[in-house]
PDB file of N, CA and C in Angstrom:
ATOM      1  N   MET A   1       0.890  -1.099  -0.082  1.00  0.00           N
ATOM      2  CA  MET A   1       0.063   0.003   0.271  1.00  0.00           C
ATOM      3  C   MET A   1       0.948   1.243   0.096  1.00  0.00           C
ATOM      4  N   GLY A   2       0.777   2.145  -0.823  1.00  0.00           N
ATOM      5  CA  GLY A   2       1.563   3.299  -0.979  1.00  0.00           C
ATOM      6  C   GLY A   2       1.277   4.188   0.275  1.00  0.00           C
ATOM      7  N   ARG A   3       2.176   5.258  -0.075  1.00  0.00           N
ATOM      8  CA  ARG A   3       1.996   6.321   1.351  1.00  0.00           C
ATOM      9  C   ARG A   3       0.720   7.308   1.276  1.00  0.00           C
ATOM     10  N   PHE A   4       0.164   7.436  -0.195  1.00  0.00           N
ATOM     11  CA  PHE A   4      -0.832   8.321  -0.237  1.00  0.00           C
ATOM     12  C   PHE A   4      -1.882   7.678  -0.046  1.00  0.00           C
ATOM     13  N   GLN A   5      -1.940   6.326  -0.251  1.00  0.00           N
ATOM     14  CA  GLN A   5      -3.223   5.408  -0.196  1.00  0.00           C
ATOM     15  C   GLN A   5      -3.479   5.396   1.422  1.00  0.00           C
ATOM     16  N   ILE A   6      -2.459   5.253   2.048  1.00  0.00           N
ATOM     17  CA  ILE A   6      -2.589   5.113   3.693  1.00  0.00           C
ATOM     18  C   ILE A   6      -2.953   6.238   4.250  1.00  0.00           C
ATOM     19  N   PHE A   7      -2.397   7.316   3.841  1.00  0.00           N
ATOM     20  CA  PHE A   7      -2.889   8.847   4.246  1.00  0.00           C
ATOM     21  C   PHE A   7      -4.177   8.808   4.095  1.00  0.00           C
ATOM     22  N   PHE A   8      -4.786   8.584   2.708  1.00  0.00           N
ATOM     23  CA  PHE A   8      -6.292   8.950   2.311  1.00  0.00           C
ATOM     24  C   PHE A   8      -7.281   8.030   2.978  1.00  0.00           C
ATOM     25  N   SER A   9      -6.641   6.692   3.218  1.00  0.00           N
ATOM     26  CA  SER A   9      -7.724   5.561   3.888  1.00  0.00           C
ATOM     27  C   SER A   9      -7.797   6.121   5.307  1.00  0.00           C
ATOM     28  N   THR A  10      -6.965   6.912   5.909  1.00  0.00           N
ATOM     29  CA  THR A  10      -7.221   7.216   7.363  1.00  0.00           C
ATOM     30  C   THR A  10      -7.497   8.703   7.416  1.00  0.00           C
ATOM     31  N   GLY A  11      -8.107   9.115   6.352  1.00  0.00           N
ATOM     32  CA  GLY A  11      -8.424  10.666   6.070  1.00  0.00           C
ATOM     33  C   GLY A  11      -9.585  10.917   7.155  1.00  0.00           C
ATOM     34  N   GLY A  12     -10.471   9.874   7.474  1.00  0.00           N
ATOM     35  CA  GLY A  12     -11.430  10.449   8.485  1.00  0.00           C
ATOM     36  C   GLY A  12     -10.764  10.874   9.886  1.00  0.00           C
ATOM     37  N   ARG A  13      -9.566  10.521  10.152  1.00  0.00           N
ATOM     38  CA  ARG A  13      -8.773  11.121  11.408  1.00  0.00           C
ATOM     39  C   ARG A  13      -8.363  12.575  11.087  1.00  0.00           C
ATOM     40  N   VAL A  14      -7.979  12.572   9.862  1.00  0.00           N
ATOM     41  CA  VAL A  14      -7.658  14.221   9.491  1.00  0.00           C
ATOM     42  C   VAL A  14      -8.931  15.071   9.664  1.00  0.00           C
ATOM     43  N   ALA A  15     -10.070  14.352   8.886  1.00  0.00           N
ATOM     44  CA  ALA A  15     -11.373  15.131   8.667  1.00  0.00           C
ATOM     45  C   ALA A  15     -11.969  15.467   9.972  1.00  0.00           C
ATOM     46  N   LEU A  16     -11.948  14.727  11.195  1.00  0.00           N
ATOM     47  CA  LEU A  16     -12.607  15.028  12.195  1.00  0.00           C
ATOM     48  C   LEU A  16     -12.343  16.438  12.949  1.00  0.00           C
ATOM     49  N   PRO A  17     -10.971  16.583  13.170  1.00  0.00           N
ATOM     50  CA  PRO A  17     -10.332  17.719  13.682  1.00  0.00           C
ATOM     51  C   PRO A  17     -10.697  19.044  12.914  1.00  0.00           C
ATOM     52  N   ILE A  18     -10.694  18.862  11.608  1.00  0.00           N
ATOM     53  CA  ILE A  18     -10.864  19.957  10.579  1.00  0.00           C
ATOM     54  C   ILE A  18     -12.486  20.265  10.749  1.00  0.00           C
ATOM     55  N   LEU A  19     -13.315  19.417  10.857  1.00  0.00           N
ATOM     56  CA  LEU A  19     -14.715  19.489  11.202  1.00  0.00           C
ATOM     57  C   LEU A  19     -14.917  20.263  12.212  1.00  0.00           C
ATOM     58  N   TYR A  20     -14.384  19.722  13.441  1.00  0.00           N
ATOM     59  CA  TYR A  20     -14.410  20.670  14.708  1.00  0.00           C
ATOM     60  C   TYR A  20     -14.159  22.075  14.608  1.00  0.00           C
ATOM     61  N   VAL A  21     -13.077  22.464  13.903  1.00  0.00           N
ATOM     62  CA  VAL A  21     -12.614  23.786  13.832  1.00  0.00           C
ATOM     63  C   VAL A  21     -13.542  24.486  12.863  1.00  0.00           C
ATOM     64  N   ALA A  22     -14.070  23.982  11.655  1.00  0.00           N
ATOM     65  CA  ALA A  22     -15.068  24.746  11.003  1.00  0.00           C
ATOM     66  C   ALA A  22     -16.294  24.666  11.527  1.00  0.00           C
ATOM     67  N   ALA A  23     -16.769  23.857  12.578  1.00  0.00           N
ATOM     68  CA  ALA A  23     -18.099  24.010  13.002  1.00  0.00           C
ATOM     69  C   ALA A  23     -17.698  25.149  14.060  1.00  0.00           C
ATOM     70  N   GLY A  24     -16.645  25.139  14.613  1.00  0.00           N
ATOM     71  CA  GLY A  24     -16.383  26.253  15.605  1.00  0.00           C
ATOM     72  C   GLY A  24     -16.573  27.784  15.187  1.00  0.00           C
ATOM     73  N   ALA A  25     -16.193  27.955  13.864  1.00  0.00           N
ATOM     74  CA  ALA A  25     -16.128  29.061  12.970  1.00  0.00           C
ATOM     75  C   ALA A  25     -17.475  29.558  13.208  1.00  0.00           C
ATOM     76  N   VAL A  26     -18.491  28.481  12.668  1.00  0.00           N
ATOM     77  CA  VAL A  26     -19.876  28.876  12.809  1.00  0.00           C
ATOM     78  C   VAL A  26     -20.305  29.422  13.980  1.00  0.00           C
ATOM     79  N   LEU A  27     -19.926  28.707  15.134  1.00  0.00           N
ATOM     80  CA  LEU A  27     -20.466  29.415  16.219  1.00  0.00           C
ATOM     81  C   LEU A  27     -19.799  30.725  16.808  1.00  0.00           C
ATOM     82  N   PHE A  28     -18.553  30.866  16.554  1.00  0.00           N
ATOM     83  CA  PHE A  28     -17.912  32.103  16.836  1.00  0.00           C
ATOM     84  C   PHE A  28     -18.104  33.160  15.512  1.00  0.00           C
ATOM     85  N   ARG A  29     -18.947  33.083  14.870  1.00  0.00           N
ATOM     86  CA  ARG A  29     -18.854  33.956  13.788  1.00  0.00           C
ATOM     87  C   ARG A  29     -18.773  35.331  13.761  1.00  0.00           C
ATOM     88  N   ARG A  30     -19.555  35.742  14.756  1.00  0.00           N
ATOM     89  CA  ARG A  30     -19.581  37.291  15.190  1.00  0.00           C
ATOM     90  C   ARG A  30     -18.347  37.758  15.767  1.00  0.00           C
ATOM     91  N   ALA A  31     -17.507  36.898  16.733  1.00  0.00           N
ATOM     92  CA  ALA A  31     -16.255  37.261  17.103  1.00  0.00           C
ATOM     93  C   ALA A  31     -15.041  37.062  16.377  1.00  0.00           C
ATOM     94  N   ILE A  32     -15.260  36.443  15.123  1.00  0.00           N
ATOM     95  CA  ILE A  32     -14.135  36.588  14.247  1.00  0.00           C
ATOM     96  C   ILE A  32     -14.541  37.044  12.947  1.00  0.00           C
ATOM     97  N   PRO A  33     -14.942  38.218  12.669  1.00  0.00           N
ATOM     98  CA  PRO A  33     -15.764  38.399  11.514  1.00  0.00           C
ATOM     99  C   PRO A  33     -14.839  38.419  10.218  1.00  0.00           C
ATOM    100  N   GLY A  34     -13.656  38.863  10.415  1.00  0.00           N
ATOM    101  CA  GLY A  34     -12.664  38.583   9.129  1.00  0.00           C
ATOM    102  C   GLY A  34     -12.311  37.373   8.758  1.00  0.00           C
ATOM    103  N   HIS A  35     -12.295  36.363   9.706  1.00  0.00           N
ATOM    104  CA  HIS A  35     -11.554  35.072   9.525  1.00  0.00           C
ATOM    105  C   HIS A  35     -12.681  33.945   9.335  1.00  0.00           C
ATOM    106  N   TRP A  36     -13.903  33.950   9.967  1.00  0.00           N
ATOM    107  CA  TRP A  36     -15.023  33.034  10.053  1.00  0.00           C
ATOM    108  C   TRP A  36     -15.184  32.245   8.711  1.00  0.00           C
ATOM    109  N   ARG A  37     -15.056  33.198   7.555  1.00  0.00           N
ATOM    110  CA  ARG A  37     -15.555  32.422   6.191  1.00  0.00           C
ATOM    111  C   ARG A  37     -14.456  31.293   5.740  1.00  0.00           C
ATOM    112  N   LEU A  38     -13.064  31.898   5.753  1.00  0.00           N
ATOM    113  CA  LEU A  38     -12.001  31.219   5.442  1.00  0.00           C
ATOM    114  C   LEU A  38     -12.128  29.800   6.428  1.00  0.00           C
ATOM    115  N   LEU A  39     -12.216  29.978   7.486  1.00  0.00           N
ATOM    116  CA  LEU A  39     -12.399  28.751   8.546  1.00  0.00           C
ATOM    117  C   LEU A  39     -13.694  27.724   8.311  1.00  0.00           C
ATOM    118  N   HIS A  40     -14.554  28.445   7.697  1.00  0.00           N
ATOM    119  CA  HIS A  40     -15.917  27.593   7.116  1.00  0.00           C
ATOM    120  C   HIS A  40     -15.542  26.921   6.000  1.00  0.00           C
ATOM    121  N   LEU A  41     -14.691  27.516   5.203  1.00  0.00           N
ATOM    122  CA  LEU A  41     -14.374  26.569   4.099  1.00  0.00           C
ATOM    123  C   LEU A  41     -13.805  25.320   4.188  1.00  0.00           C
ATOM    124  N   LEU A  42     -13.183  25.445   5.405  1.00  0.00           N
ATOM    125  CA  LEU A  42     -12.616  24.055   5.833  1.00  0.00           C
ATOM    126  C   LEU A  42     -13.652  22.675   5.738  1.00  0.00           C
ATOM    127  N   MET A  43     -14.673  23.197   5.746  1.00  0.00           N
ATOM    128  CA  MET A  43     -15.892  21.933   5.595  1.00  0.00           C
ATOM    129  C   MET A  43     -15.564  21.241   4.401  1.00  0.00           C
ATOM    130  N   TYR A  44     -15.202  21.997   3.257  1.00  0.00           N
ATOM    131  CA  TYR A  44     -15.266  21.251   2.158  1.00  0.00           C
ATOM    132  C   TYR A  44     -13.861  20.383   2.136  1.00  0.00           C
ATOM    133  N   LEU A  45     -12.933  20.715   2.872  1.00  0.00           N
ATOM    134  CA  LEU A  45     -11.722  19.871   2.947  1.00  0.00           C
ATOM    135  C   LEU A  45     -12.173  18.849   3.985  1.00  0.00           C
ATOM    136  N   ALA A  46     -12.843  18.949   5.085  1.00  0.00           N
ATOM    137  CA  ALA A  46     -13.286  17.937   5.493  1.00  0.00           C
ATOM    138  C   ALA A  46     -13.949  16.732   4.943  1.00  0.00           C
ATOM    139  N   LEU A  47     -14.919  17.496   4.172  1.00  0.00           N
ATOM    140  CA  LEU A  47     -15.967  16.678   3.388  1.00  0.00           C
ATOM    141  C   LEU A  47     -14.902  15.643   2.317  1.00  0.00           C
ATOM    142  N   PHE A  48     -14.042  16.287   1.644  1.00  0.00           N
ATOM    143  CA  PHE A  48     -13.073  15.450   0.768  1.00  0.00           C
ATOM    144  C   PHE A  48     -12.611  14.415   1.354  1.00  0.00           C
ATOM    145  N   PHE A  49     -11.787  14.720   2.608  1.00  0.00           N
ATOM    146  CA  PHE A  49     -11.518  13.581   3.454  1.00  0.00           C
ATOM    147  C   PHE A  49     -12.042  12.344   3.847  1.00  0.00           C
ATOM    148  N   ALA A  50     -13.145  12.848   4.328  1.00  0.00           N
ATOM    149  CA  ALA A  50     -14.429  12.058   4.648  1.00  0.00           C
ATOM    150  C   ALA A  50     -14.663  11.108   3.372  1.00  0.00           C
ATOM    151  N   VAL A  51     -15.271  11.405   2.457  1.00  0.00           N
ATOM    152  CA  VAL A  51     -15.385  10.960   1.093  1.00  0.00           C
ATOM    153  C   VAL A  51     -14.458   9.766   0.647  1.00  0.00           C
ATOM    154  N   VAL A  52     -12.985  10.493   0.710  1.00  0.00           N
ATOM    155  CA  VAL A  52     -11.918   9.554   0.072  1.00  0.00           C
ATOM    156  C   VAL A  52     -11.841   8.582   1.332  1.00  0.00           C
ATOM    157  N   HIS A  53     -11.733   8.582   2.758  1.00  0.00           N
ATOM    158  CA  HIS A  53     -11.830   7.743   3.501  1.00  0.00           C
ATOM    159  C   HIS A  53     -12.966   6.721   3.596  1.00  0.00           C
ATOM    160  N   GLY A  54     -14.041   7.126   3.270  1.00  0.00           N
ATOM    161  CA  GLY A  54     -15.178   6.366   3.419  1.00  0.00           C
ATOM    162  C   GLY A  54     -14.989   5.327   1.975  1.00  0.00           C
ATOM    163  N   ASN A  55     -14.814   5.724   0.950  1.00  0.00           N
ATOM    164  CA  ASN A  55     -14.490   5.009  -0.400  1.00  0.00           C
ATOM    165  C   ASN A  55     -13.426   3.901  -0.311  1.00  0.00           C
ATOM    166  N   LEU A  56     -12.299   4.451   0.291  1.00  0.00           N
ATOM    167  CA  LEU A  56     -11.062   3.617   0.707  1.00  0.00           C
ATOM    168  C   LEU A  56     -11.340   2.538   1.474  1.00  0.00           C
ATOM    169  N   ILE A  57     -11.915   2.708   2.685  1.00  0.00           N
ATOM    170  CA  ILE A  57     -12.136   1.945   3.887  1.00  0.00           C
ATOM    171  C   ILE A  57     -13.493   1.001   3.312  1.00  0.00           C
ATOM    172  N   GLY A  58     -14.275   1.579   3.201  1.00  0.00           N
ATOM    173  CA  GLY A  58     -15.385   0.842   2.668  1.00  0.00           C
ATOM    174  C   GLY A  58     -16.350  -0.037   3.663  1.00  0.00           C
ATOM    175  N   THR A  59     -16.080   0.210   5.057  1.00  0.00           N
ATOM    176  CA  THR A  59     -16.950  -0.670   5.729  1.00  0.00           C
ATOM    177  C   THR A  59     -18.457  -0.308   5.712  1.00  0.00           C
ATOM    178  N   ASP A  60     -18.515   1.050   5.738  1.00  0.00           N
ATOM    179  CA  ASP A  60     -20.079   1.586   5.874  1.00  0.00           C
ATOM    180  C   ASP A  60     -20.488   1.740   4.460  1.00  0.00           C
ATOM    181  N   PHE A  61     -19.617   1.831   3.360  1.00  0.00           N
ATOM    182  CA  PHE A  61     -20.135   1.691   2.206  1.00  0.00           C
ATOM    183  C   PHE A  61     -20.336   0.391   1.445  1.00  0.00           C
ATOM    184  N   SER A  62     -20.520  -0.516   2.357  1.00  0.00           N
ATOM    185  CA  SER A  62     -20.831  -1.905   1.684  1.00  0.00           C
ATOM    186  C   SER A  62     -22.250  -1.960   1.306  1.00  0.00           C
ATOM    187  N   PHE A  63     -23.095  -1.031   1.994  1.00  0.00           N
ATOM    188  CA  PHE A  63     -24.400  -0.735   1.648  1.00  0.00           C
ATOM    189  C   PHE A  63     -24.538   0.030   0.433  1.00  0.00           C
ATOM    190  N   PRO A  64     -25.201  -0.442  -0.746  1.00  0.00           N
ATOM    191  CA  PRO A  64     -24.936   0.457  -1.760  1.00  0.00           C
ATOM    192  C   PRO A  64     -25.860   1.765  -1.734  1.00  0.00           C
ATOM    193  N   VAL A  65     -26.863   1.802  -0.794  1.00  0.00           N
ATOM    194  CA  VAL A  65     -27.791   3.077  -1.021  1.00  0.00           C
ATOM    195  C   VAL A  65     -26.829   4.090  -0.130  1.00  0.00           C
ATOM    196  N   ILE A  66     -26.077   3.697   0.869  1.00  0.00           N
ATOM    197  CA  ILE A  66     -25.336   4.606   1.732  1.00  0.00           C
ATOM    198  C   ILE A  66     -24.129   5.088   0.851  1.00  0.00           C
ATOM    199  N   MET A  67     -23.627   4.221   0.026  1.00  0.00           N
ATOM    200  CA  MET A  67     -22.508   4.609  -0.809  1.00  0.00           C
ATOM    201  C   MET A  67     -22.918   5.822  -1.817  1.00  0.00           C
ATOM    202  N   VAL A  68     -24.190   5.517  -2.506  1.00  0.00           N
ATOM    203  CA  VAL A  68     -24.692   6.294  -3.411  1.00  0.00           C
ATOM    204  C   VAL A  68     -25.369   7.810  -2.841  1.00  0.00           C
ATOM    205  N   VAL A  69     -25.766   7.679  -1.895  1.00  0.00           N
ATOM    206  CA  VAL A  69     -26.247   9.039  -1.027  1.00  0.00           C
ATOM    207  C   VAL A  69     -25.155   9.955  -0.601  1.00  0.00           C
ATOM    208  N   PHE A  70     -24.038   9.181  -0.062  1.00  0.00           N
ATOM    209  CA  PHE A  70     -22.922   9.931   0.514  1.00  0.00           C
ATOM    210  C   PHE A  70     -21.927  10.581  -0.676  1.00  0.00           C
ATOM    211  N   ASN A  71     -21.899   9.613  -1.556  1.00  0.00           N
ATOM    212  CA  ASN A  71     -21.097  10.163  -2.821  1.00  0.00           C
ATOM    213  C   ASN A  71     -21.749  11.118  -3.560  1.00  0.00           C
ATOM    214  N   GLY A  72     -23.191  11.037  -3.832  1.00  0.00           N
ATOM    215  CA  GLY A  72     -23.893  11.870  -4.320  1.00  0.00           C
ATOM    216  C   GLY A  72     -24.118  13.292  -3.649  1.00  0.00           C
ATOM    217  N   LEU A  73     -23.990  13.230  -2.309  1.00  0.00           N
ATOM    218  CA  LEU A  73     -23.956  14.715  -1.411  1.00  0.00           C
ATOM    219  C   LEU A  73     -22.684  15.280  -1.816  1.00  0.00           C
ATOM    220  N   ALA A  74     -21.523  14.267  -1.758  1.00  0.00           N
ATOM    221  CA  ALA A  74     -20.275  14.961  -1.895  1.00  0.00           C
ATOM    222  C   ALA A  74     -20.137  15.570  -3.379  1.00  0.00           C
ATOM    223  N   LEU A  75     -20.757  14.740  -4.228  1.00  0.00           N
ATOM    224  CA  LEU A  75     -20.485  15.565  -5.723  1.00  0.00           C
ATOM    225  C   LEU A  75     -21.619  16.839  -5.730  1.00  0.00           C
ATOM    226  N   ALA A  76     -22.602  16.902  -5.058  1.00  0.00           N
ATOM    227  CA  ALA A  76     -23.532  18.139  -5.061  1.00  0.00           C
ATOM    228  C   ALA A  76     -22.897  19.213  -4.351  1.00  0.00           C
ATOM    229  N   ALA A  77     -22.031  18.940  -3.206  1.00  0.00           N
ATOM    230  CA  ALA A  77     -21.418  20.069  -2.467  1.00  0.00           C
ATOM    231  C   ALA A  77     -20.140  20.586  -3.175  1.00  0.00           C
ATOM    232  N   ALA A  78     -19.482  19.555  -4.034  1.00  0.00           N
ATOM    233  CA  ALA A  78     -18.445  20.019  -4.966  1.00  0.00           C
ATOM    234  C   ALA A  78     -18.985  20.994  -6.013  1.00  0.00           C
ATOM    235  N   GLY A  79     -20.267  20.480  -6.586  1.00  0.00           N
ATOM    236  CA  GLY A  79     -20.571  21.165  -7.721  1.00  0.00           C
ATOM    237  C   GLY A  79     -21.139  22.706  -7.177  1.00  0.00           C
ATOM    238  N   VAL A  80     -21.901  22.877  -6.081  1.00  0.00           N
ATOM    239  CA  VAL A  80     -22.031  23.940  -5.564  1.00  0.00           C
ATOM    240  C   VAL A  80     -21.087  24.915  -5.140  1.00  0.00           C
ATOM    241  N   PHE A  81     -20.055  24.505  -4.651  1.00  0.00           N
ATOM    242  CA  PHE A  81     -18.794  25.111  -4.268  1.00  0.00           C
ATOM    243  C   PHE A  81     -18.229  25.954  -5.641  1.00  0.00           C
ATOM    244  N   LEU A  82     -17.982  24.676  -6.655  1.00  0.00           N
ATOM    245  CA  LEU A  82     -17.509  25.562  -7.791  1.00  0.00           C
ATOM    246  C   LEU A  82     -18.395  26.374  -8.545  1.00  0.00           C
ATOM    247  N   PHE A  83     -19.701  26.130  -8.738  1.00  0.00           N
ATOM    248  CA  PHE A  83     -20.558  27.340  -9.101  1.00  0.00           C
ATOM    249  C   PHE A  83     -20.412  28.531  -8.431  1.00  0.00           C
ATOM    250  N   ARG A  84     -20.510  28.548  -7.216  1.00  0.00           N
ATOM    251  CA  ARG A  84     -20.464  29.896  -6.493  1.00  0.00           C
ATOM    252  C   ARG A  84     -19.144  30.605  -6.793  1.00  0.00           C
ATOM    253  N   ARG A  85     -18.000  29.764  -6.721  1.00  0.00           N
ATOM    254  CA  ARG A  85     -16.789  30.358  -7.129  1.00  0.00           C
ATOM    255  C   ARG A  85     -16.617  30.717  -8.592  1.00  0.00           C
ATOM    256  N   TYR A  86     -17.347  30.388  -9.827  1.00  0.00           N
ATOM    257  CA  TYR A  86     -17.141  30.668 -11.001  1.00  0.00           C
ATOM    258  C   TYR A  86     -18.372  31.251 -11.575  1.00  0.00           C
ATOM    259  N   LYS A  87     -19.154  31.602 -10.961  1.00  0.00           N
ATOM    260  CA  LYS A  87     -20.537  32.251 -11.492  1.00  0.00           C
ATOM    261  C   LYS A  87     -20.427  33.607 -12.016  1.00  0.00           C
ATOM    262  N   ASN A  88     -19.674  34.482 -11.395  1.00  0.00           N
ATOM    263  CA  ASN A  88     -19.219  35.458 -11.594  1.00  0.00           C
ATOM    264  C   ASN A  88     -18.155  36.138 -12.519  1.00  0.00           C
ATOM    265  N   ARG A  89     -17.551  35.052 -12.988  1.00  0.00           N
ATOM    266  CA  ARG A  89     -16.326  35.111 -13.853  1.00  0.00           C
ATOM    267  C   ARG A  89     -16.538  35.193 -15.512  1.00  0.00           C
TER     268      ARG A  89
END
């Protein structure tokens, strides 16, 4: 198993603390007005690591419905992210 595959298969460990920081940014939005949006964008990074982790480990994805829903939501989030970034260009 290559280094990148090991890293991404354990991506859930990376995604969880990123998720905590991003969720904290929502709670402290008014206290950190200049930085909350940047911290909140970490949700996309956490989602990426979680999706890759879920697809590589595959224990929860052994049920096809869960796999389709989880990957579909990830694709929808990525599509919205890209659309919002490039709609005014």
